[in-house]
Protein backbone atom coordinates (compact mmCIF):
# COMPACT_ATOMS: atom_id res chain seq x y z
CA MET A 1 -28.99 51.64 -32.43
CA THR A 2 -28.40 54.58 -30.10
CA ASN A 3 -30.78 56.65 -28.02
CA ASP A 4 -29.87 59.67 -30.14
CA ASN A 5 -31.86 58.53 -33.19
CA PHE A 6 -34.76 60.67 -34.35
CA LYS A 7 -38.05 58.76 -34.65
CA TYR A 8 -40.80 59.39 -37.21
CA ARG A 9 -44.08 57.79 -38.22
CA PHE A 10 -45.42 57.97 -41.76
CA LYS A 11 -48.76 57.20 -43.39
CA PHE A 12 -48.81 55.99 -46.98
CA THR A 13 -50.86 54.44 -49.76
CA LYS A 14 -50.38 51.29 -51.84
CA GLY A 15 -52.18 51.46 -55.17
CA GLU A 16 -53.29 49.08 -57.87
CA GLU A 17 -49.87 49.25 -59.54
CA ILE A 18 -48.16 47.31 -56.74
CA LYS A 19 -50.93 45.25 -55.15
CA PHE A 20 -49.35 42.00 -56.32
CA ILE A 21 -45.90 42.88 -54.95
CA GLY A 22 -45.16 40.79 -51.85
CA HIS A 23 -44.25 42.42 -48.54
CA LEU A 24 -40.56 41.49 -48.62
CA ASP A 25 -40.12 42.88 -52.13
CA PHE A 26 -42.05 45.99 -51.10
CA MET A 27 -39.71 46.49 -48.13
CA VAL A 28 -36.69 46.29 -50.45
CA ALA A 29 -38.25 48.87 -52.80
CA PHE A 30 -38.96 51.16 -49.84
CA GLN A 31 -35.41 50.80 -48.53
CA ARG A 32 -34.02 51.70 -51.95
CA ALA A 33 -36.27 54.76 -52.11
CA ILE A 34 -34.88 55.89 -48.75
CA LYS A 35 -31.33 55.61 -50.12
CA ARG A 36 -32.21 57.44 -53.34
CA ALA A 37 -33.86 60.19 -51.29
CA ASP A 38 -30.65 60.62 -49.26
CA ILE A 39 -32.57 60.13 -46.02
CA PRO A 40 -30.03 59.68 -43.16
CA ILE A 41 -31.60 56.43 -41.99
CA ALA A 42 -30.23 54.81 -38.83
CA TYR A 43 -29.06 51.20 -38.85
CA SER A 44 -29.11 48.39 -36.34
CA ASN A 45 -25.93 47.08 -34.75
CA GLY A 46 -24.45 43.64 -35.38
CA PHE A 47 -22.98 41.65 -38.25
CA ASN A 48 -25.85 42.40 -40.63
CA PRO A 49 -26.98 45.98 -40.02
CA HIS A 50 -30.42 46.81 -41.38
CA GLN A 51 -32.37 50.02 -41.74
CA LEU A 52 -34.45 50.94 -38.69
CA LEU A 53 -37.65 50.81 -40.68
CA ASN A 54 -40.80 48.99 -39.58
CA PHE A 55 -44.34 48.67 -40.91
CA ALA A 56 -47.49 48.30 -38.82
CA SER A 57 -48.72 45.16 -40.58
CA PRO A 58 -48.01 43.55 -43.97
CA LEU A 59 -50.75 44.09 -46.53
CA SER A 60 -52.12 40.88 -48.01
CA LEU A 61 -51.26 40.17 -51.63
CA GLY A 62 -53.85 41.70 -53.95
CA TYR A 63 -55.01 44.34 -51.43
CA THR A 64 -54.69 48.09 -51.92
CA SER A 65 -54.47 50.67 -49.16
CA ILE A 66 -55.09 54.33 -48.50
CA GLY A 67 -54.04 54.09 -44.85
CA ASP A 68 -50.89 52.10 -44.09
CA TYR A 69 -48.24 53.14 -41.56
CA GLY A 70 -44.60 52.68 -40.73
CA ASP A 71 -41.86 53.97 -38.42
CA LEU A 72 -38.32 54.97 -39.27
CA GLN A 73 -35.37 56.26 -37.30
CA LEU A 74 -32.80 58.75 -38.56
CA GLN A 75 -29.22 59.45 -37.56
CA ASN A 76 -29.70 63.18 -38.18
CA TRP A 77 -32.78 65.35 -37.76
CA LEU A 78 -34.92 66.28 -40.75
CA SER A 79 -38.25 68.06 -40.70
CA ALA A 80 -41.32 65.90 -41.26
CA ASP A 81 -42.16 67.92 -44.40
CA GLU A 82 -38.66 67.38 -45.82
CA ILE A 83 -38.90 63.62 -45.27
CA LYS A 84 -42.30 63.52 -46.95
CA THR A 85 -41.10 65.52 -49.95
CA ARG A 86 -37.90 63.53 -50.46
CA LEU A 87 -39.63 60.17 -50.15
CA ASN A 88 -42.44 61.08 -52.54
CA GLU A 89 -39.88 62.13 -55.14
CA ASN A 90 -38.31 58.66 -55.01
CA MET A 91 -41.13 56.23 -54.26
CA PRO A 92 -42.12 53.53 -56.76
CA ILE A 93 -45.30 54.09 -58.75
CA GLY A 94 -48.33 53.27 -56.61
CA VAL A 95 -46.86 54.48 -53.30
CA LYS A 96 -47.53 57.93 -51.88
CA ILE A 97 -46.51 59.30 -48.49
CA LEU A 98 -49.53 61.13 -47.06
CA GLU A 99 -48.22 62.32 -43.72
CA VAL A 100 -45.08 62.25 -41.57
CA ALA A 101 -44.86 63.07 -37.85
CA GLU A 102 -41.86 63.33 -35.54
CA LEU A 103 -42.31 61.12 -32.49
CA SER A 104 -41.40 61.36 -28.86
CA LYS A 105 -38.55 59.06 -27.88
CA ASN A 106 -41.04 57.29 -25.59
CA ALA A 107 -43.55 56.56 -28.37
CA LYS A 108 -44.46 52.90 -28.74
CA LYS A 109 -43.51 51.12 -31.93
CA VAL A 110 -46.08 51.07 -34.69
CA MET A 111 -46.35 47.27 -34.69
CA THR A 112 -47.08 47.05 -30.97
CA SER A 113 -49.53 49.97 -31.06
CA LEU A 114 -51.78 48.49 -33.76
CA CYS A 115 -55.04 47.01 -32.49
CA ALA A 116 -57.61 47.54 -35.28
CA ALA A 117 -57.96 48.28 -38.98
CA SER A 118 -60.76 49.29 -41.32
CA TYR A 119 -61.34 47.94 -44.82
CA GLU A 120 -63.62 48.37 -47.79
CA VAL A 121 -64.75 45.18 -49.50
CA LYS A 122 -66.02 45.54 -53.05
CA PHE A 123 -67.91 42.36 -53.83
CA GLU A 124 -68.24 40.55 -57.11
CA GLU A 125 -71.34 41.37 -59.17
CA ALA A 126 -73.43 38.58 -57.59
CA VAL A 127 -73.51 40.55 -54.32
CA THR A 128 -75.71 43.48 -55.26
CA PRO A 129 -76.30 46.64 -53.22
CA LYS A 130 -79.84 45.40 -52.58
CA ILE A 131 -78.58 42.12 -51.10
CA ILE A 132 -76.28 44.03 -48.75
CA GLU A 133 -78.98 46.51 -47.73
CA GLU A 134 -81.46 43.75 -46.94
CA ASN A 135 -79.04 41.50 -45.05
CA ILE A 136 -76.20 43.41 -43.38
CA ASP A 137 -78.08 44.17 -40.14
CA LYS A 138 -79.48 40.64 -39.87
CA PHE A 139 -76.02 39.24 -40.54
CA MET A 140 -74.65 41.01 -37.48
CA LEU A 141 -77.60 40.00 -35.31
CA GLN A 142 -76.50 36.36 -35.44
CA ASP A 143 -75.30 34.91 -32.14
CA GLU A 144 -72.19 33.60 -33.90
CA ILE A 145 -70.50 34.18 -37.26
CA ILE A 146 -68.58 31.03 -38.06
CA VAL A 147 -65.84 30.66 -40.68
CA LEU A 148 -63.16 28.07 -41.24
CA LYS A 149 -59.85 29.65 -40.19
CA LYS A 150 -56.33 28.36 -40.56
CA THR A 151 -54.37 27.90 -37.33
CA LYS A 152 -50.72 26.90 -36.87
CA ARG A 153 -51.69 23.22 -36.90
CA ASN A 154 -54.92 22.85 -38.85
CA LEU A 155 -58.22 24.39 -39.90
CA LYS A 156 -61.01 24.95 -37.42
CA ASP A 157 -64.42 26.61 -37.19
CA THR A 158 -64.01 30.02 -35.55
CA ASP A 159 -66.52 32.60 -34.36
CA ILE A 160 -65.33 35.88 -35.86
CA LYS A 161 -68.19 38.05 -34.57
CA PRO A 162 -66.22 39.33 -31.53
CA ASP A 163 -63.51 40.58 -33.89
CA ILE A 164 -65.90 42.61 -36.07
CA LEU A 165 -65.99 46.01 -34.36
CA GLU A 166 -68.13 47.84 -36.91
CA ILE A 167 -69.71 47.05 -40.24
CA GLU A 168 -71.78 49.15 -42.63
CA ASN A 169 -73.24 49.18 -46.11
CA ALA A 170 -70.97 51.28 -48.34
CA SER A 171 -72.60 50.43 -51.68
CA ASP A 172 -72.85 52.79 -54.61
CA LYS A 173 -73.42 51.19 -58.01
CA ALA A 174 -71.49 48.18 -56.74
CA GLY A 175 -72.06 46.10 -53.64
CA LYS A 176 -69.64 47.24 -50.94
CA ILE A 177 -69.21 47.08 -47.20
CA LYS A 178 -66.89 48.83 -44.77
CA ALA A 179 -65.69 46.82 -41.79
CA LYS A 180 -63.55 47.75 -38.81
CA VAL A 181 -61.94 44.66 -37.32
CA ASN A 182 -59.39 43.66 -34.69
CA ALA A 183 -55.86 43.70 -36.06
CA GLY A 184 -52.37 43.20 -34.71
CA SER A 185 -50.37 40.53 -32.94
CA VAL A 186 -52.99 39.63 -30.31
CA LYS A 187 -56.15 39.47 -32.43
CA ASN A 188 -56.28 39.73 -36.19
CA LEU A 189 -59.20 39.30 -38.58
CA LYS A 190 -58.84 39.55 -42.33
CA PRO A 191 -61.64 41.27 -44.27
CA GLU A 192 -61.90 38.31 -46.62
CA SER A 193 -63.16 36.25 -43.66
CA VAL A 194 -65.94 38.81 -43.15
CA ALA A 195 -66.74 38.71 -46.87
CA GLU A 196 -66.77 34.91 -46.85
CA ALA A 197 -69.14 34.76 -43.88
CA PHE A 198 -71.51 37.33 -45.41
CA MET A 199 -71.64 35.57 -48.78
CA LYS A 200 -72.29 32.27 -47.03
CA TYR A 201 -75.09 33.94 -45.04
CA VAL A 202 -76.84 35.15 -48.22
CA GLY A 203 -76.35 31.78 -49.95
CA LEU A 204 -73.61 32.69 -52.42
CA GLU A 205 -70.37 30.88 -53.15
CA PHE A 206 -67.27 32.71 -51.94
CA ASN A 207 -64.16 33.21 -54.06
CA LYS A 208 -61.74 35.66 -52.43
CA ASN A 209 -60.10 36.47 -55.76
CA LYS A 210 -63.34 37.89 -57.16
CA ASN A 211 -63.66 40.53 -54.44
CA ARG A 212 -61.47 43.62 -54.02
CA TYR A 213 -60.08 44.74 -50.67
CA THR A 214 -58.79 48.17 -49.65
CA ARG A 215 -57.34 49.01 -46.26
CA LEU A 216 -58.78 52.36 -45.22
CA ASP A 217 -56.96 53.07 -41.97
CA MET A 218 -55.22 51.51 -38.96
CA TYR A 219 -55.82 52.30 -35.29
CA MET A 220 -54.41 52.29 -31.79
CA SER A 221 -56.17 52.64 -28.44
CA ASP A 222 -56.40 56.06 -26.84
CA GLN A 223 -56.41 56.81 -23.12
CA ASN A 224 -60.18 56.34 -22.94
CA GLY A 225 -60.19 52.97 -24.69
CA GLY A 226 -61.36 54.41 -28.00
CA LEU A 227 -59.68 53.98 -31.38
CA VAL A 228 -57.59 56.66 -33.09
CA GLY A 229 -55.34 56.63 -36.15
CA LEU A 230 -51.74 55.49 -35.67
CA ILE A 231 -50.47 59.04 -36.18
CA ASP A 232 -53.31 60.88 -34.44
CA GLY A 233 -52.90 58.88 -31.25
CA VAL A 234 -49.13 58.55 -30.94
CA GLU A 235 -47.01 60.75 -28.66
CA LYS A 236 -45.40 63.37 -30.90
CA ILE A 237 -42.88 66.18 -30.49
């Protein structure tokens, strides 16, 4: 890698068509789309050069997204609009590039910038809009919200309340919530843990495969300690 590479951040969707494609296979598909699009991607040095392409955080299997992000570096300059157009013409079904921005050379990497994410949880039919309306505020008034979480060595009871930044009733005809949670390498809470804790609170059995999860957006900290989108808050050219 040289200091002459041009850095870009992109926002994209992952739809129903590819929600059961694992992250490594998704990366390969994305890399192939870059080649088909004739994007002058930069490569790392060493015996096994790889594309300078990184994603903010892998999406769990079975999730969809309308707000995922990645960074790429190019050997030659292209306009953000040209990159967006070329990629969208070559992406697999279910992936759409929403936005591309050219970054300052001093911009932090997308993975290290990530600190929070928002999700929509669409519950199974047993969790009705009425149940959510009557219980969501009381759920968050608990002193602790305990779930069994997997660690590197074992399973242990964990209080996830500090990692739930916001939560709201998002129901229409179906029972839904929106939750903003800590995300990234330092703290990371999956929305299924929030769903599990809520269903336990209302006395229902939790099965993660019966609920549907959509990532809505991903955030970084701004200068005032607030949260902004990973493109809105990054240093751009």
